[in-house]
Amino acid sequence: MKKNAENINNEPHKDAEPNEALVEENINNEPHKDAEPNEALVEENINNEPNEVPVEEKLRVVEEKLLRSLAETENQRRRFEREIKDAFEFGGFNFARENLAILDNLQRAKISIKNDESLKDNPDLEKFLKNFEIIEKDLLSIFEKNKIKKINCIKEKFDPNFHQAMLEIEDDLEEPGTIMQEIQPGYKFGERLLRPSFVGVSKKKTKENDKNEDA
């Protein structure tokens, strides 16, 4: 009987209340489900979230990209038009320069026939030269219609952009640098120089020439 009483006393009672200290410890260690989150963590998360770009800023960026694309397209269009125009003008420029040789040969032939001693007494010489002049005028007319124009240079001031000096002519009556003689005519194709005029330019007489003339 004593043993049974001892066992009964040593066994924990099923309905006995748990130790209050242990219960309080478990309560303190378990996180409360309804506990508010740490304010510092919440603020950190808010700061780390990317700021949303305003709609006005998005529209401004899109507008800038659109304007840039339109400007590039317009520049490309103008460049293509200029290249096409240059291609046509370059082809016409070369054709015009080759045709100058025809006019040069015609003028040389006219001068050669006119100065030929054996033909001076020929009654048909004047008519023959007249035909040369008609052909020459027709060629010049065709040139002008195709933007090929002769450079007028006699009595003009020498301009290295359009003239090429071949000789100097002493003349005190004219200002130095004045074109006194045209050796070969020059031409322009539109505003571009096709061929410079070969000219003789005036200059002041030297003192040595003055002394020789006085002697």
N, C-alpha and C. Protein backbone atom coordinates (compact mmCIF):
# COMPACT_ATOMS: atom_id res chain seq x y z
N MET A 1 0.82 -1.18 0.00
CA MET A 1 0.00 0.00 0.00
C MET A 1 0.86 1.24 0.00
N LYS A 2 1.95 1.21 0.72
CA LYS A 2 2.85 2.35 0.76
C LYS A 2 3.44 2.65 -0.61
N LYS A 3 3.81 1.57 -1.38
CA LYS A 3 4.38 1.75 -2.72
C LYS A 3 3.38 2.39 -3.65
N ASN A 4 2.15 1.95 -3.60
CA ASN A 4 1.15 2.51 -4.47
C ASN A 4 0.93 3.98 -4.17
N ALA A 5 0.91 4.29 -2.90
CA ALA A 5 0.73 5.68 -2.53
C ALA A 5 1.89 6.52 -3.00
N GLU A 6 3.12 5.93 -2.94
CA GLU A 6 4.31 6.67 -3.39
C GLU A 6 4.26 6.93 -4.89
N ASN A 7 3.83 5.88 -5.65
CA ASN A 7 3.75 6.04 -7.12
C ASN A 7 2.74 7.07 -7.49
N ILE A 8 1.63 7.01 -6.78
CA ILE A 8 0.58 7.97 -7.08
C ILE A 8 1.06 9.38 -6.83
N ASN A 9 1.80 9.58 -5.76
CA ASN A 9 2.30 10.91 -5.43
C ASN A 9 3.35 11.39 -6.41
N ASN A 10 4.18 10.42 -6.91
CA ASN A 10 5.26 10.83 -7.84
C ASN A 10 4.76 11.10 -9.24
N GLU A 11 3.68 10.46 -9.73
CA GLU A 11 3.17 10.67 -11.08
C GLU A 11 2.53 12.04 -11.18
N PRO A 12 2.78 12.74 -12.25
CA PRO A 12 2.15 14.04 -12.41
C PRO A 12 0.68 13.90 -12.69
N HIS A 13 -0.05 14.76 -12.18
CA HIS A 13 -1.51 14.71 -12.35
C HIS A 13 -1.87 15.20 -13.73
N LYS A 14 -2.71 14.42 -14.40
CA LYS A 14 -3.07 14.76 -15.78
C LYS A 14 -3.76 16.09 -15.86
N ASP A 15 -4.52 16.39 -14.85
CA ASP A 15 -5.27 17.64 -14.90
C ASP A 15 -4.55 18.79 -14.22
N ALA A 16 -3.27 18.55 -13.87
CA ALA A 16 -2.53 19.60 -13.17
C ALA A 16 -2.22 20.75 -14.12
N GLU A 17 -2.27 21.98 -13.69
CA GLU A 17 -1.98 23.17 -14.52
C GLU A 17 -0.50 23.26 -14.82
N PRO A 18 -0.12 23.66 -15.98
CA PRO A 18 1.31 23.78 -16.32
C PRO A 18 1.98 24.86 -15.50
N ASN A 19 3.26 24.71 -15.40
CA ASN A 19 4.05 25.65 -14.62
C ASN A 19 3.89 27.05 -15.22
N GLU A 20 3.50 28.04 -14.43
CA GLU A 20 3.25 29.40 -14.91
C GLU A 20 4.50 30.04 -15.48
N ALA A 21 5.66 29.73 -14.90
CA ALA A 21 6.92 30.32 -15.39
C ALA A 21 7.22 29.85 -16.80
N LEU A 22 7.00 28.54 -17.07
CA LEU A 22 7.25 28.01 -18.41
C LEU A 22 6.29 28.60 -19.43
N VAL A 23 5.06 28.73 -19.05
CA VAL A 23 4.05 29.29 -19.95
C VAL A 23 4.41 30.73 -20.31
N GLU A 24 4.80 31.50 -19.30
CA GLU A 24 5.15 32.90 -19.56
C GLU A 24 6.37 33.01 -20.47
N GLU A 25 7.36 32.09 -20.29
CA GLU A 25 8.55 32.10 -21.14
C GLU A 25 8.21 31.82 -22.59
N ASN A 26 7.29 30.80 -22.80
CA ASN A 26 6.89 30.47 -24.18
C ASN A 26 6.15 31.63 -24.83
N ILE A 27 5.33 32.29 -24.04
CA ILE A 27 4.57 33.41 -24.58
C ILE A 27 5.51 34.53 -25.02
N ASN A 28 6.52 34.80 -24.20
CA ASN A 28 7.46 35.88 -24.52
C ASN A 28 8.30 35.55 -25.75
N ASN A 29 8.65 34.23 -25.91
CA ASN A 29 9.52 33.83 -27.03
C ASN A 29 8.77 33.75 -28.36
N GLU A 30 7.47 33.41 -28.36
CA GLU A 30 6.71 33.29 -29.60
C GLU A 30 6.33 34.67 -30.12
N PRO A 31 6.52 34.90 -31.43
CA PRO A 31 6.12 36.20 -32.00
C PRO A 31 4.61 36.31 -32.03
N HIS A 32 4.14 37.47 -31.70
CA HIS A 32 2.70 37.69 -31.68
C HIS A 32 2.21 37.89 -33.10
N LYS A 33 1.16 37.19 -33.49
CA LYS A 33 0.66 37.25 -34.87
C LYS A 33 0.16 38.63 -35.21
N ASP A 34 -0.42 39.29 -34.24
CA ASP A 34 -0.99 40.61 -34.51
C ASP A 34 -0.04 41.76 -34.20
N ALA A 35 1.25 41.43 -33.95
CA ALA A 35 2.21 42.48 -33.58
C ALA A 35 2.49 43.37 -34.79
N GLU A 36 2.65 44.65 -34.59
CA GLU A 36 2.92 45.59 -35.66
C GLU A 36 4.35 45.42 -36.17
N PRO A 37 4.59 45.53 -37.50
CA PRO A 37 5.96 45.37 -38.03
C PRO A 37 6.86 46.51 -37.56
N ASN A 38 8.15 46.22 -37.58
CA ASN A 38 9.14 47.20 -37.14
C ASN A 38 9.07 48.43 -38.05
N GLU A 39 8.93 49.63 -37.49
CA GLU A 39 8.77 50.87 -38.25
C GLU A 39 10.02 51.16 -39.10
N ALA A 40 11.19 50.81 -38.57
CA ALA A 40 12.42 51.05 -39.32
C ALA A 40 12.47 50.21 -40.59
N LEU A 41 12.05 48.91 -40.46
CA LEU A 41 12.03 48.04 -41.63
C LEU A 41 11.03 48.52 -42.67
N VAL A 42 9.86 49.00 -42.22
CA VAL A 42 8.84 49.49 -43.14
C VAL A 42 9.36 50.71 -43.89
N GLU A 43 10.01 51.63 -43.18
CA GLU A 43 10.54 52.84 -43.81
C GLU A 43 11.63 52.49 -44.82
N GLU A 44 12.49 51.50 -44.48
CA GLU A 44 13.56 51.08 -45.39
C GLU A 44 12.99 50.50 -46.67
N ASN A 45 11.93 49.68 -46.56
CA ASN A 45 11.31 49.09 -47.74
C ASN A 45 10.69 50.17 -48.64
N ILE A 46 10.09 51.18 -47.99
CA ILE A 46 9.48 52.26 -48.77
C ILE A 46 10.54 53.04 -49.55
N ASN A 47 11.68 53.29 -48.90
CA ASN A 47 12.75 54.05 -49.56
C ASN A 47 13.38 53.26 -50.70
N ASN A 48 13.42 51.93 -50.56
CA ASN A 48 14.05 51.11 -51.59
C ASN A 48 13.16 50.91 -52.82
N GLU A 49 11.86 51.14 -52.70
CA GLU A 49 10.96 50.99 -53.83
C GLU A 49 11.24 52.09 -54.87
N PRO A 50 11.35 51.76 -56.20
CA PRO A 50 11.63 52.78 -57.23
C PRO A 50 10.48 53.77 -57.34
N ASN A 51 10.89 55.09 -57.51
CA ASN A 51 9.88 56.11 -57.66
C ASN A 51 9.28 56.05 -59.05
N GLU A 52 8.02 56.14 -59.19
CA GLU A 52 7.33 56.09 -60.47
C GLU A 52 7.55 57.40 -61.23
N VAL A 53 7.96 57.30 -62.56
CA VAL A 53 8.21 58.49 -63.37
C VAL A 53 6.88 59.15 -63.71
N PRO A 54 6.79 60.47 -63.54
CA PRO A 54 5.53 61.15 -63.86
C PRO A 54 5.18 61.02 -65.33
N VAL A 55 3.90 61.08 -65.63
CA VAL A 55 3.43 60.95 -67.01
C VAL A 55 3.97 62.08 -67.88
N GLU A 56 4.06 63.31 -67.34
CA GLU A 56 4.56 64.44 -68.10
C GLU A 56 5.99 64.21 -68.55
N GLU A 57 6.80 63.61 -67.65
CA GLU A 57 8.20 63.34 -67.99
C GLU A 57 8.30 62.29 -69.10
N LYS A 58 7.44 61.27 -69.01
CA LYS A 58 7.44 60.24 -70.06
C LYS A 58 7.06 60.84 -71.41
N LEU A 59 6.04 61.71 -71.41
CA LEU A 59 5.62 62.36 -72.65
C LEU A 59 6.71 63.24 -73.23
N ARG A 60 7.45 63.94 -72.35
CA ARG A 60 8.53 64.81 -72.81
C ARG A 60 9.64 64.00 -73.47
N VAL A 61 10.00 62.87 -72.89
CA VAL A 61 11.05 62.01 -73.46
C VAL A 61 10.62 61.46 -74.82
N VAL A 62 9.36 61.02 -74.89
CA VAL A 62 8.86 60.47 -76.16
C VAL A 62 8.83 61.56 -77.23
N GLU A 63 8.43 62.77 -76.85
CA GLU A 63 8.38 63.88 -77.80
C GLU A 63 9.77 64.22 -78.33
N GLU A 64 10.78 64.22 -77.45
CA GLU A 64 12.14 64.51 -77.87
C GLU A 64 12.65 63.46 -78.85
N LYS A 65 12.35 62.19 -78.57
CA LYS A 65 12.78 61.11 -79.47
C LYS A 65 12.09 61.24 -80.83
N LEU A 66 10.81 61.60 -80.82
CA LEU A 66 10.08 61.76 -82.06
C LEU A 66 10.64 62.92 -82.90
N LEU A 67 10.90 64.06 -82.25
CA LEU A 67 11.45 65.21 -82.96
C LEU A 67 12.83 64.90 -83.52
N ARG A 68 13.64 64.16 -82.77
CA ARG A 68 14.97 63.80 -83.23
C ARG A 68 14.88 62.89 -84.46
N SER A 69 13.95 61.95 -84.43
CA SER A 69 13.77 61.04 -85.56
C SER A 69 13.30 61.80 -86.80
N LEU A 70 12.38 62.75 -86.61
CA LEU A 70 11.89 63.55 -87.74
C LEU A 70 13.00 64.39 -88.34
N ALA A 71 13.86 64.97 -87.48
CA ALA A 71 14.98 65.78 -87.98
C ALA A 71 15.97 64.93 -88.77
N GLU A 72 16.25 63.73 -88.28
CA GLU A 72 17.17 62.85 -89.00
C GLU A 72 16.60 62.42 -90.35
N THR A 73 15.29 62.17 -90.37
CA THR A 73 14.64 61.79 -91.63
C THR A 73 14.69 62.93 -92.64
N GLU A 74 14.45 64.16 -92.18
CA GLU A 74 14.48 65.32 -93.07
C GLU A 74 15.89 65.56 -93.60
N ASN A 75 16.90 65.42 -92.74
CA ASN A 75 18.29 65.59 -93.19
C ASN A 75 18.67 64.54 -94.23
N GLN A 76 18.21 63.32 -94.01
CA GLN A 76 18.50 62.25 -94.97
C GLN A 76 17.82 62.51 -96.30
N ARG A 77 16.58 63.03 -96.28
CA ARG A 77 15.88 63.34 -97.51
C ARG A 77 16.61 64.43 -98.30
N ARG A 78 17.03 65.47 -97.59
CA ARG A 78 17.75 66.56 -98.26
C ARG A 78 19.07 66.08 -98.84
N ARG A 79 19.75 65.20 -98.10
CA ARG A 79 21.03 64.68 -98.59
C ARG A 79 20.83 63.87 -99.86
N PHE A 80 19.79 63.06 -99.91
CA PHE A 80 19.51 62.28 -101.11
C PHE A 80 19.19 63.18 -102.29
N GLU A 81 18.38 64.23 -102.05
CA GLU A 81 18.05 65.16 -103.13
C GLU A 81 19.29 65.86 -103.66
N ARG A 82 20.18 66.26 -102.73
CA ARG A 82 21.41 66.93 -103.15
C ARG A 82 22.31 65.99 -103.95
N GLU A 83 22.40 64.73 -103.53
CA GLU A 83 23.23 63.77 -104.25
C GLU A 83 22.69 63.50 -105.65
N ILE A 84 21.35 63.43 -105.77
CA ILE A 84 20.75 63.22 -107.09
C ILE A 84 21.03 64.43 -107.99
N LYS A 85 20.86 65.63 -107.42
CA LYS A 85 21.11 66.84 -108.19
C LYS A 85 22.56 66.93 -108.62
N ASP A 86 23.49 66.62 -107.70
CA ASP A 86 24.92 66.66 -108.04
C ASP A 86 25.27 65.65 -109.12
N ALA A 87 24.60 64.49 -109.07
CA ALA A 87 24.88 63.46 -110.07
C ALA A 87 24.48 63.94 -111.46
N PHE A 88 23.31 64.58 -111.56
CA PHE A 88 22.87 65.12 -112.85
C PHE A 88 23.79 66.24 -113.31
N GLU A 89 24.13 67.14 -112.38
CA GLU A 89 24.98 68.27 -112.75
C GLU A 89 26.38 67.83 -113.13
N PHE A 90 26.88 66.82 -112.43
CA PHE A 90 28.23 66.34 -112.74
C PHE A 90 28.28 65.73 -114.13
N GLY A 91 27.23 64.96 -114.48
CA GLY A 91 27.17 64.38 -115.82
C GLY A 91 27.09 65.47 -116.87
N GLY A 92 26.25 66.50 -116.63
CA GLY A 92 26.14 67.61 -117.57
C GLY A 92 27.41 68.43 -117.63
N PHE A 93 28.12 68.54 -116.51
CA PHE A 93 29.36 69.31 -116.45
C PHE A 93 30.42 68.68 -117.36
N ASN A 94 30.58 67.37 -117.26
CA ASN A 94 31.56 66.69 -118.11
C ASN A 94 31.19 66.78 -119.59
N PHE A 95 29.89 66.65 -119.89
CA PHE A 95 29.43 66.75 -121.27
C PHE A 95 29.70 68.15 -121.83
N ALA A 96 29.44 69.16 -121.01
CA ALA A 96 29.67 70.55 -121.44
C ALA A 96 31.16 70.80 -121.69
N ARG A 97 32.00 70.28 -120.81
CA ARG A 97 33.44 70.50 -120.99
C ARG A 97 33.97 69.83 -122.26
N GLU A 98 33.41 68.65 -122.58
CA GLU A 98 33.84 67.98 -123.81
C GLU A 98 33.39 68.77 -125.04
N ASN A 99 32.22 69.39 -124.96
CA ASN A 99 31.71 70.14 -126.11
C ASN A 99 32.50 71.42 -126.37
N LEU A 100 33.19 71.91 -125.37
CA LEU A 100 34.02 73.10 -125.59
C LEU A 100 35.10 72.84 -126.63
N ALA A 101 35.57 71.61 -126.70
CA ALA A 101 36.60 71.27 -127.68
C ALA A 101 36.09 71.44 -129.11
N ILE A 102 34.79 71.16 -129.31
CA ILE A 102 34.21 71.34 -130.65
C ILE A 102 34.23 72.81 -131.04
N LEU A 103 33.81 73.65 -130.10
CA LEU A 103 33.81 75.09 -130.37
C LEU A 103 35.22 75.62 -130.60
N ASP A 104 36.17 75.16 -129.79
CA ASP A 104 37.56 75.61 -129.94
C ASP A 104 38.11 75.24 -131.32
N ASN A 105 37.85 74.02 -131.75
CA ASN A 105 38.35 73.58 -133.06
C ASN A 105 37.70 74.36 -134.19
N LEU A 106 36.43 74.67 -134.03
CA LEU A 106 35.74 75.46 -135.06
C LEU A 106 36.35 76.86 -135.17
N GLN A 107 36.62 77.48 -134.04
CA GLN A 107 37.19 78.83 -134.06
C GLN A 107 38.62 78.83 -134.60
N ARG A 108 39.38 77.81 -134.26
CA ARG A 108 40.75 77.71 -134.80
C ARG A 108 40.73 77.53 -136.31
N ALA A 109 39.79 76.70 -136.79
CA ALA A 109 39.70 76.47 -138.23
C ALA A 109 39.33 77.75 -138.96
N LYS A 110 38.41 78.52 -138.38
CA LYS A 110 38.00 79.79 -139.00
C LYS A 110 39.18 80.76 -139.11
N ILE A 111 39.96 80.86 -138.02
CA ILE A 111 41.12 81.76 -138.02
C ILE A 111 42.17 81.29 -139.02
N SER A 112 42.38 79.97 -139.06
CA SER A 112 43.39 79.42 -139.98
C SER A 112 43.02 79.68 -141.43
N ILE A 113 41.74 79.48 -141.76
CA ILE A 113 41.30 79.71 -143.16
C ILE A 113 41.37 81.20 -143.50
N LYS A 114 41.01 82.03 -142.55
CA LYS A 114 41.01 83.47 -142.78
C LYS A 114 42.42 84.00 -143.02
N ASN A 115 43.40 83.41 -142.38
CA ASN A 115 44.79 83.87 -142.50
C ASN A 115 45.57 83.14 -143.59
N ASP A 116 44.93 82.22 -144.27
CA ASP A 116 45.62 81.46 -145.33
C ASP A 116 45.81 82.37 -146.56
N GLU A 117 47.06 82.60 -146.93
CA GLU A 117 47.38 83.49 -148.05
C GLU A 117 46.82 82.98 -149.37
N SER A 118 46.76 81.66 -149.51
CA SER A 118 46.31 81.10 -150.79
C SER A 118 44.81 81.25 -151.00
N LEU A 119 44.08 81.56 -149.95
CA LEU A 119 42.63 81.68 -150.06
C LEU A 119 42.14 83.12 -150.03
N LYS A 120 43.05 84.06 -149.89
CA LYS A 120 42.64 85.46 -149.76
C LYS A 120 41.94 85.99 -151.02
N ASP A 121 42.38 85.51 -152.15
CA ASP A 121 41.80 86.00 -153.40
C ASP A 121 40.59 85.17 -153.85
N ASN A 122 40.22 84.22 -153.08
CA ASN A 122 39.07 83.37 -153.45
C ASN A 122 37.78 84.15 -153.22
N PRO A 123 36.91 84.26 -154.24
CA PRO A 123 35.68 85.06 -154.08
C PRO A 123 34.68 84.42 -153.12
N ASP A 124 34.82 83.13 -152.87
CA ASP A 124 33.87 82.43 -151.98
C ASP A 124 34.34 82.38 -150.53
N LEU A 125 35.47 83.02 -150.27
CA LEU A 125 36.02 82.96 -148.90
C LEU A 125 35.08 83.58 -147.87
N GLU A 126 34.54 84.74 -148.20
CA GLU A 126 33.66 85.42 -147.25
C GLU A 126 32.41 84.60 -146.95
N LYS A 127 31.85 83.98 -147.98
CA LYS A 127 30.68 83.14 -147.76
C LYS A 127 31.02 81.93 -146.87
N PHE A 128 32.20 81.40 -147.14
CA PHE A 128 32.65 80.22 -146.36
C PHE A 128 32.82 80.59 -144.89
N LEU A 129 33.45 81.75 -144.65
CA LEU A 129 33.64 82.21 -143.27
C LEU A 129 32.31 82.56 -142.60
N LYS A 130 31.37 83.03 -143.44
CA LYS A 130 30.04 83.36 -142.91
C LYS A 130 29.35 82.11 -142.37
N ASN A 131 29.53 81.00 -143.06
CA ASN A 131 28.95 79.73 -142.59
C ASN A 131 29.58 79.29 -141.27
N PHE A 132 30.88 79.54 -141.12
CA PHE A 132 31.55 79.24 -139.86
C PHE A 132 30.92 80.04 -138.72
N GLU A 133 30.68 81.31 -139.00
CA GLU A 133 30.11 82.18 -137.96
C GLU A 133 28.71 81.73 -137.56
N ILE A 134 27.92 81.28 -138.54
CA ILE A 134 26.56 80.81 -138.24
C ILE A 134 26.61 79.58 -137.34
N ILE A 135 27.50 78.65 -137.67
CA ILE A 135 27.65 77.44 -136.83
C ILE A 135 28.11 77.79 -135.43
N GLU A 136 29.05 78.74 -135.37
CA GLU A 136 29.56 79.17 -134.06
C GLU A 136 28.45 79.79 -133.20
N LYS A 137 27.63 80.64 -133.81
CA LYS A 137 26.53 81.26 -133.07
C LYS A 137 25.50 80.22 -132.59
N ASP A 138 25.24 79.24 -133.46
CA ASP A 138 24.29 78.18 -133.07
C ASP A 138 24.82 77.39 -131.87
N LEU A 139 26.12 77.10 -131.90
CA LEU A 139 26.71 76.38 -130.78
C LEU A 139 26.62 77.18 -129.49
N LEU A 140 26.94 78.47 -129.58
CA LEU A 140 26.87 79.33 -128.39
C LEU A 140 25.44 79.45 -127.88
N SER A 141 24.48 79.47 -128.79
CA SER A 141 23.07 79.53 -128.39
C SER A 141 22.67 78.25 -127.66
N ILE A 142 23.13 77.10 -128.17
CA ILE A 142 22.84 75.83 -127.51
C ILE A 142 23.51 75.78 -126.13
N PHE A 143 24.71 76.32 -126.05
CA PHE A 143 25.42 76.36 -124.77
C PHE A 143 24.63 77.17 -123.73
N GLU A 144 24.17 78.34 -124.14
CA GLU A 144 23.44 79.21 -123.21
C GLU A 144 22.14 78.57 -122.73
N LYS A 145 21.46 77.85 -123.62
CA LYS A 145 20.22 77.17 -123.23
C LYS A 145 20.49 76.07 -122.21
N ASN A 146 21.70 75.55 -122.21
CA ASN A 146 22.08 74.48 -121.28
C ASN A 146 23.00 75.01 -120.16
N LYS A 147 22.86 76.30 -119.85
CA LYS A 147 23.54 76.94 -118.72
C LYS A 147 25.06 77.02 -118.88
N ILE A 148 25.52 76.99 -120.14
CA ILE A 148 26.95 77.17 -120.41
C ILE A 148 27.13 78.58 -120.95
N LYS A 149 27.79 79.43 -120.16
CA LYS A 149 27.91 80.84 -120.53
C LYS A 149 29.38 81.25 -120.63
N LYS A 150 29.64 82.09 -121.61
CA LYS A 150 30.99 82.62 -121.81
C LYS A 150 31.29 83.68 -120.75
N ILE A 151 32.55 83.68 -120.29
CA ILE A 151 32.99 84.66 -119.31
C ILE A 151 33.50 85.90 -120.04
N ASN A 152 32.86 87.03 -119.80
CA ASN A 152 33.32 88.29 -120.39
C ASN A 152 34.46 88.85 -119.53
N CYS A 153 35.59 89.09 -120.14
CA CYS A 153 36.76 89.44 -119.33
C CYS A 153 37.49 90.71 -119.80
N ILE A 154 37.34 91.13 -121.05
CA ILE A 154 38.10 92.28 -121.55
C ILE A 154 37.75 93.53 -120.73
N LYS A 155 38.80 94.23 -120.29
CA LYS A 155 38.68 95.45 -119.48
C LYS A 155 38.15 95.18 -118.07
N GLU A 156 38.07 93.92 -117.71
CA GLU A 156 37.64 93.56 -116.35
C GLU A 156 38.87 93.40 -115.46
N LYS A 157 38.64 93.50 -114.15
CA LYS A 157 39.72 93.29 -113.19
C LYS A 157 40.05 91.80 -113.12
N PHE A 158 41.33 91.50 -113.08
CA PHE A 158 41.75 90.09 -113.05
C PHE A 158 41.22 89.41 -111.79
N ASP A 159 40.58 88.26 -111.99
CA ASP A 159 40.02 87.48 -110.88
C ASP A 159 40.56 86.05 -111.01
N PRO A 160 41.41 85.63 -110.07
CA PRO A 160 42.00 84.28 -110.19
C PRO A 160 40.98 83.15 -110.14
N ASN A 161 39.75 83.46 -109.69
CA ASN A 161 38.71 82.43 -109.67
C ASN A 161 38.17 82.12 -111.06
N PHE A 162 38.33 83.07 -112.00
CA PHE A 162 37.78 82.89 -113.34
C PHE A 162 38.80 83.12 -114.45
N HIS A 163 39.96 83.66 -114.11
CA HIS A 163 40.94 84.01 -115.15
C HIS A 163 42.28 83.34 -114.84
N GLN A 164 43.01 83.08 -115.91
CA GLN A 164 44.37 82.56 -115.78
C GLN A 164 45.29 83.44 -116.62
N ALA A 165 46.22 84.12 -115.93
CA ALA A 165 47.11 85.05 -116.62
C ALA A 165 48.18 84.28 -117.39
N MET A 166 48.28 84.57 -118.69
CA MET A 166 49.28 83.91 -119.53
C MET A 166 50.44 84.84 -119.87
N LEU A 167 50.18 86.14 -119.82
CA LEU A 167 51.24 87.12 -120.11
C LEU A 167 50.86 88.46 -119.50
N GLU A 168 51.88 89.35 -119.42
CA GLU A 168 51.67 90.70 -118.90
C GLU A 168 51.92 91.71 -120.01
N ILE A 169 51.06 92.71 -120.05
CA ILE A 169 51.16 93.74 -121.10
C ILE A 169 51.40 95.08 -120.41
N GLU A 170 52.51 95.72 -120.75
CA GLU A 170 52.83 97.01 -120.14
C GLU A 170 51.93 98.10 -120.69
N ASP A 171 51.28 98.78 -119.77
CA ASP A 171 50.35 99.84 -120.18
C ASP A 171 50.13 100.77 -119.00
N ASP A 172 50.54 102.04 -119.19
CA ASP A 172 50.38 103.03 -118.12
C ASP A 172 48.99 103.65 -118.11
N LEU A 173 48.23 103.45 -119.17
CA LEU A 173 46.90 104.05 -119.24
C LEU A 173 45.86 103.24 -118.46
N GLU A 174 46.14 101.97 -118.28
CA GLU A 174 45.20 101.10 -117.56
C GLU A 174 45.74 100.77 -116.17
N GLU A 175 44.82 100.55 -115.29
CA GLU A 175 45.21 100.16 -113.92
C GLU A 175 45.83 98.77 -113.95
N PRO A 176 46.91 98.57 -113.21
CA PRO A 176 47.54 97.23 -113.20
C PRO A 176 46.54 96.15 -112.78
N GLY A 177 46.60 95.03 -113.48
CA GLY A 177 45.67 93.94 -113.18
C GLY A 177 44.44 93.95 -114.05
N THR A 178 44.38 94.87 -115.02
CA THR A 178 43.24 94.92 -115.94
C THR A 178 43.50 93.96 -117.10
N ILE A 179 42.48 93.22 -117.49
CA ILE A 179 42.63 92.26 -118.58
C ILE A 179 42.60 93.02 -119.92
N MET A 180 43.67 92.90 -120.67
CA MET A 180 43.81 93.61 -121.94
C MET A 180 43.60 92.71 -123.15
N GLN A 181 43.81 91.40 -122.96
CA GLN A 181 43.73 90.48 -124.10
C GLN A 181 43.14 89.15 -123.65
N GLU A 182 42.29 88.59 -124.50
CA GLU A 182 41.73 87.26 -124.25
C GLU A 182 42.38 86.27 -125.21
N ILE A 183 43.15 85.35 -124.66
CA ILE A 183 43.84 84.37 -125.49
C ILE A 183 42.93 83.19 -125.79
N GLN A 184 42.23 82.74 -124.79
CA GLN A 184 41.24 81.66 -124.96
C GLN A 184 40.05 81.96 -124.06
N PRO A 185 38.82 81.94 -124.60
CA PRO A 185 37.67 82.29 -123.77
C PRO A 185 37.39 81.24 -122.69
N GLY A 186 36.88 81.73 -121.58
CA GLY A 186 36.49 80.85 -120.48
C GLY A 186 34.98 80.71 -120.42
N TYR A 187 34.51 79.66 -119.74
CA TYR A 187 33.08 79.39 -119.67
C TYR A 187 32.69 78.92 -118.26
N LYS A 188 31.43 79.17 -117.92
CA LYS A 188 30.86 78.70 -116.67
C LYS A 188 29.69 77.76 -116.97
N PHE A 189 29.53 76.76 -116.13
CA PHE A 189 28.37 75.86 -116.21
C PHE A 189 27.50 76.15 -115.00
N GLY A 190 26.45 76.96 -115.23
CA GLY A 190 25.68 77.46 -114.09
C GLY A 190 26.54 78.43 -113.31
N GLU A 191 26.77 78.13 -112.04
CA GLU A 191 27.65 78.95 -111.20
C GLU A 191 29.03 78.33 -111.04
N ARG A 192 29.24 77.18 -111.65
CA ARG A 192 30.53 76.50 -111.53
C ARG A 192 31.43 76.86 -112.71
N LEU A 193 32.71 76.99 -112.41
CA LEU A 193 33.67 77.30 -113.46
C LEU A 193 33.91 76.07 -114.32
N LEU A 194 33.65 76.25 -115.61
CA LEU A 194 33.88 75.15 -116.55
C LEU A 194 35.31 75.19 -117.07
N ARG A 195 35.76 76.41 -117.42
CA ARG A 195 37.13 76.60 -117.87
C ARG A 195 37.50 78.06 -117.67
N PRO A 196 38.67 78.35 -117.11
CA PRO A 196 39.05 79.76 -116.92
C PRO A 196 39.43 80.42 -118.24
N SER A 197 39.31 81.74 -118.26
CA SER A 197 39.75 82.51 -119.44
C SER A 197 41.26 82.68 -119.38
N PHE A 198 41.93 82.37 -120.48
CA PHE A 198 43.36 82.61 -120.59
C PHE A 198 43.54 84.03 -121.10
N VAL A 199 44.22 84.87 -120.31
CA VAL A 199 44.22 86.30 -120.60
C VAL A 199 45.62 86.91 -120.47
N GLY A 200 45.71 88.12 -121.04
CA GLY A 200 46.88 88.97 -120.85
C GLY A 200 46.50 90.13 -119.95
N VAL A 201 47.33 90.42 -118.94
CA VAL A 201 47.00 91.40 -117.90
C VAL A 201 47.96 92.59 -117.98
N SER A 202 47.41 93.76 -117.74
CA SER A 202 48.21 94.98 -117.82
C SER A 202 49.11 95.13 -116.60
N LYS A 203 50.22 95.83 -116.81
CA LYS A 203 51.11 96.19 -115.71
C LYS A 203 51.78 97.51 -116.04
N LYS A 204 52.32 98.17 -115.05
CA LYS A 204 53.00 99.45 -115.26
C LYS A 204 54.33 99.24 -115.99
N LYS A 205 54.70 100.21 -116.80
CA LYS A 205 55.97 100.13 -117.50
C LYS A 205 57.13 100.27 -116.51
N THR A 206 58.18 99.54 -116.78
CA THR A 206 59.36 99.63 -115.92
C THR A 206 60.19 100.85 -116.30
N LYS A 207 61.08 101.26 -115.39
CA LYS A 207 61.92 102.44 -115.64
C LYS A 207 62.88 102.21 -116.78
N GLU A 208 63.36 100.98 -116.94
CA GLU A 208 64.30 100.68 -118.02
C GLU A 208 63.65 100.87 -119.37
N ASN A 209 62.37 100.45 -119.49
CA ASN A 209 61.67 100.64 -120.76
C ASN A 209 61.43 102.11 -121.04
N ASP A 210 61.14 102.88 -119.99
CA ASP A 210 60.94 104.32 -120.18
C ASP A 210 62.23 104.99 -120.70
N LYS A 211 63.38 104.57 -120.16
CA LYS A 211 64.66 105.14 -120.61
C LYS A 211 64.93 104.79 -122.07
N ASN A 212 64.60 103.52 -122.42
CA ASN A 212 64.83 103.09 -123.81
C ASN A 212 63.97 103.87 -124.78
N GLU A 213 62.73 104.15 -124.37
CA GLU A 213 61.83 104.90 -125.24
C GLU A 213 62.32 106.35 -125.39
N ASP A 214 62.85 106.90 -124.30
CA ASP A 214 63.34 108.28 -124.36
C ASP A 214 64.60 108.37 -125.23
N ALA A 215 65.41 107.30 -125.20
CA ALA A 215 66.64 107.28 -126.00
C ALA A 215 66.29 107.17 -127.46
